[in-house]
Amino acid sequence: IGGHGDAQAIPSAERFAPLLWLAAVHVLEELAIVRRTQCALHLFAERERFLDAPL
């Protein structure tokens, strides 16, 4: 009645783990770039405030 005689293997997660690892590494790299940019902008703003301060 409705069965198939050929058994099919279920894909293992091992095939997708490297893709997830690469995605995680990419996200960490993006966060590092954003963090560096934020720090640079913060330092620039500090410099502007310092130069604008009265003597």
PDB file of N, CA and C in Angstrom:
ATOM      1  N   ILE A   1       0.854  -1.190   0.000  1.00  0.00           N
ATOM      2  CA  ILE A   1       0.000   0.000   0.000  1.00  0.00           C
ATOM      3  C   ILE A   1       0.885   1.233   0.000  1.00  0.00           C
ATOM      4  N   GLY A   2       1.006   2.215   0.538  1.00  0.00           N
ATOM      5  CA  GLY A   2       1.699   3.485   0.283  1.00  0.00           C
ATOM      6  C   GLY A   2       3.157   3.547   0.681  1.00  0.00           C
ATOM      7  N   GLY A   3       3.874   2.440   0.788  1.00  0.00           N
ATOM      8  CA  GLY A   3       5.266   2.531   1.226  1.00  0.00           C
ATOM      9  C   GLY A   3       6.245   2.419   0.077  1.00  0.00           C
ATOM     10  N   HIS A   4       7.412   2.933   0.255  1.00  0.00           N
ATOM     11  CA  HIS A   4       8.489   2.802  -0.723  1.00  0.00           C
ATOM     12  C   HIS A   4       9.505   1.823  -0.164  1.00  0.00           C
ATOM     13  N   GLY A   5      10.048   1.007  -1.028  1.00  0.00           N
ATOM     14  CA  GLY A   5      11.014   0.021  -0.596  1.00  0.00           C
ATOM     15  C   GLY A   5      12.412   0.581  -0.369  1.00  0.00           C
ATOM     16  N   ASP A   6      12.719   1.743  -0.948  1.00  0.00           N
ATOM     17  CA  ASP A   6      14.071   2.299  -0.822  1.00  0.00           C
ATOM     18  C   ASP A   6      14.149   3.247   0.374  1.00  0.00           C
ATOM     19  N   ALA A   7      15.018   2.899   1.304  1.00  0.00           N
ATOM     20  CA  ALA A   7      15.214   3.768   2.470  1.00  0.00           C
ATOM     21  C   ALA A   7      16.170   4.903   2.096  1.00  0.00           C
ATOM     22  N   GLN A   8      15.873   6.085   2.546  1.00  0.00           N
ATOM     23  CA  GLN A   8      16.727   7.244   2.262  1.00  0.00           C
ATOM     24  C   GLN A   8      17.348   7.723   3.566  1.00  0.00           C
ATOM     25  N   ALA A   9      18.615   8.046   3.488  1.00  0.00           N
ATOM     26  CA  ALA A   9      19.316   8.532   4.677  1.00  0.00           C
ATOM     27  C   ALA A   9      18.875   9.959   4.995  1.00  0.00           C
ATOM     28  N   ILE A  10      18.788  10.235   6.265  1.00  0.00           N
ATOM     29  CA  ILE A  10      18.486  11.602   6.703  1.00  0.00           C
ATOM     30  C   ILE A  10      19.802  12.376   6.672  1.00  0.00           C
ATOM     31  N   PRO A  11      19.835  13.557   6.035  1.00  0.00           N
ATOM     32  CA  PRO A  11      21.089  14.316   5.978  1.00  0.00           C
ATOM     33  C   PRO A  11      21.587  14.650   7.382  1.00  0.00           C
ATOM     34  N   SER A  12      22.864  14.472   7.579  1.00  0.00           N
ATOM     35  CA  SER A  12      23.416  14.736   8.902  1.00  0.00           C
ATOM     36  C   SER A  12      23.716  16.220   9.052  1.00  0.00           C
ATOM     37  N   ALA A  13      23.784  16.669  10.289  1.00  0.00           N
ATOM     38  CA  ALA A  13      24.068  18.083  10.573  1.00  0.00           C
ATOM     39  C   ALA A  13      25.528  18.415  10.285  1.00  0.00           C
ATOM     40  N   GLU A  14      26.368  17.392  10.155  1.00  0.00           N
ATOM     41  CA  GLU A  14      27.790  17.640   9.898  1.00  0.00           C
ATOM     42  C   GLU A  14      28.002  18.394   8.591  1.00  0.00           C
ATOM     43  N   ARG A  15      27.113  18.217   7.658  1.00  0.00           N
ATOM     44  CA  ARG A  15      27.235  18.885   6.374  1.00  0.00           C
ATOM     45  C   ARG A  15      26.988  20.390   6.528  1.00  0.00           C
ATOM     46  N   PHE A  16      26.132  20.770   7.466  1.00  0.00           N
ATOM     47  CA  PHE A  16      25.766  22.175   7.636  1.00  0.00           C
ATOM     48  C   PHE A  16      26.596  22.879   8.701  1.00  0.00           C
ATOM     49  N   ALA A  17      27.275  22.129   9.556  1.00  0.00           N
ATOM     50  CA  ALA A  17      28.051  22.736  10.635  1.00  0.00           C
ATOM     51  C   ALA A  17      29.123  23.691  10.115  1.00  0.00           C
ATOM     52  N   PRO A  18      29.887  23.345   9.060  1.00  0.00           N
ATOM     53  CA  PRO A  18      30.882  24.305   8.569  1.00  0.00           C
ATOM     54  C   PRO A  18      30.250  25.606   8.084  1.00  0.00           C
ATOM     55  N   LEU A  19      29.076  25.524   7.475  1.00  0.00           N
ATOM     56  CA  LEU A  19      28.401  26.739   7.017  1.00  0.00           C
ATOM     57  C   LEU A  19      28.000  27.607   8.198  1.00  0.00           C
ATOM     58  N   LEU A  20      27.496  26.980   9.251  1.00  0.00           N
ATOM     59  CA  LEU A  20      27.121  27.744  10.443  1.00  0.00           C
ATOM     60  C   LEU A  20      28.351  28.359  11.090  1.00  0.00           C
ATOM     61  N   TRP A  21      29.468  27.623  11.110  1.00  0.00           N
ATOM     62  CA  TRP A  21      30.703  28.143  11.690  1.00  0.00           C
ATOM     63  C   TRP A  21      31.183  29.355  10.897  1.00  0.00           C
ATOM     64  N   LEU A  22      31.145  29.270   9.566  1.00  0.00           N
ATOM     65  CA  LEU A  22      31.566  30.402   8.744  1.00  0.00           C
ATOM     66  C   LEU A  22      30.662  31.603   8.973  1.00  0.00           C
ATOM     67  N   ALA A  23      29.377  31.370   9.122  1.00  0.00           N
ATOM     68  CA  ALA A  23      28.451  32.471   9.385  1.00  0.00           C
ATOM     69  C   ALA A  23      28.755  33.104  10.732  1.00  0.00           C
ATOM     70  N   ALA A  24      29.056  32.283  11.736  1.00  0.00           N
ATOM     71  CA  ALA A  24      29.369  32.817  13.062  1.00  0.00           C
ATOM     72  C   ALA A  24      30.648  33.643  13.028  1.00  0.00           C
ATOM     73  N   VAL A  25      31.658  33.158  12.320  1.00  0.00           N
ATOM     74  CA  VAL A  25      32.916  33.895  12.212  1.00  0.00           C
ATOM     75  C   VAL A  25      32.679  35.213  11.490  1.00  0.00           C
ATOM     76  N   HIS A  26      31.869  35.191  10.448  1.00  0.00           N
ATOM     77  CA  HIS A  26      31.579  36.411   9.688  1.00  0.00           C
ATOM     78  C   HIS A  26      30.869  37.436  10.573  1.00  0.00           C
ATOM     79  N   VAL A  27      29.933  36.987  11.377  1.00  0.00           N
ATOM     80  CA  VAL A  27      29.213  37.898  12.275  1.00  0.00           C
ATOM     81  C   VAL A  27      30.178  38.514  13.277  1.00  0.00           C
ATOM     82  N   LEU A  28      31.081  37.719  13.822  1.00  0.00           N
ATOM     83  CA  LEU A  28      32.058  38.251  14.781  1.00  0.00           C
ATOM     84  C   LEU A  28      32.966  39.281  14.126  1.00  0.00           C
ATOM     85  N   GLU A  29      33.367  39.027  12.879  1.00  0.00           N
ATOM     86  CA  GLU A  29      34.200  39.999  12.168  1.00  0.00           C
ATOM     87  C   GLU A  29      33.435  41.295  11.935  1.00  0.00           C
ATOM     88  N   GLU A  30      32.170  41.187  11.559  1.00  0.00           N
ATOM     89  CA  GLU A  30      31.350  42.384  11.340  1.00  0.00           C
ATOM     90  C   GLU A  30      31.190  43.169  12.637  1.00  0.00           C
ATOM     91  N   LEU A  31      30.980  42.471  13.743  1.00  0.00           N
ATOM     92  CA  LEU A  31      30.845  43.157  15.026  1.00  0.00           C
ATOM     93  C   LEU A  31      32.131  43.877  15.406  1.00  0.00           C
ATOM     94  N   ALA A  32      33.279  43.268  15.109  1.00  0.00           N
ATOM     95  CA  ALA A  32      34.556  43.913  15.407  1.00  0.00           C
ATOM     96  C   ALA A  32      34.713  45.187  14.587  1.00  0.00           C
ATOM     97  N   ILE A  33      34.298  45.158  13.339  1.00  0.00           N
ATOM     98  CA  ILE A  33      34.391  46.345  12.480  1.00  0.00           C
ATOM     99  C   ILE A  33      33.473  47.442  13.011  1.00  0.00           C
ATOM    100  N   VAL A  34      32.265  47.083  13.389  1.00  0.00           N
ATOM    101  CA  VAL A  34      31.318  48.065  13.929  1.00  0.00           C
ATOM    102  C   VAL A  34      31.868  48.665  15.212  1.00  0.00           C
ATOM    103  N   ARG A  35      32.427  47.831  16.060  1.00  0.00           N
ATOM    104  CA  ARG A  35      32.983  48.303  17.343  1.00  0.00           C
ATOM    105  C   ARG A  35      34.130  49.277  17.105  1.00  0.00           C
ATOM    106  N   ARG A  36      35.028  48.953  16.177  1.00  0.00           N
ATOM    107  CA  ARG A  36      36.147  49.858  15.865  1.00  0.00           C
ATOM    108  C   ARG A  36      35.633  51.187  15.351  1.00  0.00           C
ATOM    109  N   THR A  37      34.622  51.141  14.505  1.00  0.00           N
ATOM    110  CA  THR A  37      34.049  52.370  13.950  1.00  0.00           C
ATOM    111  C   THR A  37      33.422  53.207  15.055  1.00  0.00           C
ATOM    112  N   GLN A  38      32.706  52.569  15.959  1.00  0.00           N
ATOM    113  CA  GLN A  38      32.090  53.301  17.067  1.00  0.00           C
ATOM    114  C   GLN A  38      33.155  53.952  17.940  1.00  0.00           C
ATOM    115  N   CYS A  39      34.239  53.240  18.222  1.00  0.00           N
ATOM    116  CA  CYS A  39      35.316  53.798  19.045  1.00  0.00           C
ATOM    117  C   CYS A  39      35.963  54.988  18.348  1.00  0.00           C
ATOM    118  N   ALA A  40      36.188  54.867  17.058  1.00  0.00           N
ATOM    119  CA  ALA A  40      36.802  55.961  16.307  1.00  0.00           C
ATOM    120  C   ALA A  40      35.893  57.185  16.318  1.00  0.00           C
ATOM    121  N   LEU A  41      34.599  56.990  16.128  1.00  0.00           N
ATOM    122  CA  LEU A  41      33.663  58.114  16.154  1.00  0.00           C
ATOM    123  C   LEU A  41      33.585  58.731  17.545  1.00  0.00           C
ATOM    124  N   HIS A  42      33.649  57.899  18.571  1.00  0.00           N
ATOM    125  CA  HIS A  42      33.619  58.410  19.939  1.00  0.00           C
ATOM    126  C   HIS A  42      34.852  59.273  20.210  1.00  0.00           C
ATOM    127  N   LEU A  43      36.020  58.790  19.793  1.00  0.00           N
ATOM    128  CA  LEU A  43      37.246  59.567  20.002  1.00  0.00           C
ATOM    129  C   LEU A  43      37.203  60.875  19.222  1.00  0.00           C
ATOM    130  N   PHE A  44      36.659  60.842  18.025  1.00  0.00           N
ATOM    131  CA  PHE A  44      36.535  62.058  17.223  1.00  0.00           C
ATOM    132  C   PHE A  44      35.622  63.061  17.923  1.00  0.00           C
ATOM    133  N   ALA A  45      34.506  62.583  18.477  1.00  0.00           N
ATOM    134  CA  ALA A  45      33.577  63.459  19.191  1.00  0.00           C
ATOM    135  C   ALA A  45      34.229  64.019  20.451  1.00  0.00           C
ATOM    136  N   GLU A  46      35.002  63.201  21.163  1.00  0.00           N
ATOM    137  CA  GLU A  46      35.723  63.679  22.347  1.00  0.00           C
ATOM    138  C   GLU A  46      36.686  64.801  21.965  1.00  0.00           C
ATOM    139  N   ARG A  47      37.381  64.618  20.874  1.00  0.00           N
ATOM    140  CA  ARG A  47      38.335  65.623  20.404  1.00  0.00           C
ATOM    141  C   ARG A  47      37.612  66.925  20.084  1.00  0.00           C
ATOM    142  N   GLU A  48      36.468  66.816  19.415  1.00  0.00           N
ATOM    143  CA  GLU A  48      35.691  68.007  19.072  1.00  0.00           C
ATOM    144  C   GLU A  48      35.225  68.733  20.332  1.00  0.00           C
ATOM    145  N   ARG A  49      34.771  67.989  21.335  1.00  0.00           N
ATOM    146  CA  ARG A  49      34.326  68.614  22.584  1.00  0.00           C
ATOM    147  C   ARG A  49      35.498  69.270  23.300  1.00  0.00           C
ATOM    148  N   PHE A  50      36.646  68.628  23.281  1.00  0.00           N
ATOM    149  CA  PHE A  50      37.835  69.175  23.938  1.00  0.00           C
ATOM    150  C   PHE A  50      38.267  70.472  23.258  1.00  0.00           C
ATOM    151  N   LEU A  51      38.260  70.494  21.931  1.00  0.00           N
ATOM    152  CA  LEU A  51      38.683  71.688  21.202  1.00  0.00           C
ATOM    153  C   LEU A  51      37.665  72.817  21.338  1.00  0.00           C
ATOM    154  N   ASP A  52      36.406  72.477  21.590  1.00  0.00           N
ATOM    155  CA  ASP A  52      35.353  73.480  21.698  1.00  0.00           C
ATOM    156  C   ASP A  52      35.219  74.021  23.126  1.00  0.00           C
ATOM    157  N   ALA A  53      35.949  73.447  24.074  1.00  0.00           N
ATOM    158  CA  ALA A  53      35.838  73.863  25.475  1.00  0.00           C
ATOM    159  C   ALA A  53      36.471  75.242  25.672  1.00  0.00           C
ATOM    160  N   PRO A  54      35.915  76.032  26.582  1.00  0.00           N
ATOM    161  CA  PRO A  54      36.512  77.343  26.855  1.00  0.00           C
ATOM    162  C   PRO A  54      37.858  77.188  27.559  1.00  0.00           C
ATOM    163  N   LEU A  55      38.717  78.151  27.353  1.00  0.00           N
ATOM    164  CA  LEU A  55      40.046  78.102  27.974  1.00  0.00           C
ATOM    165  C   LEU A  55      40.044  78.594  29.378  1.00  0.00           C
TER     166      LEU A  55
END
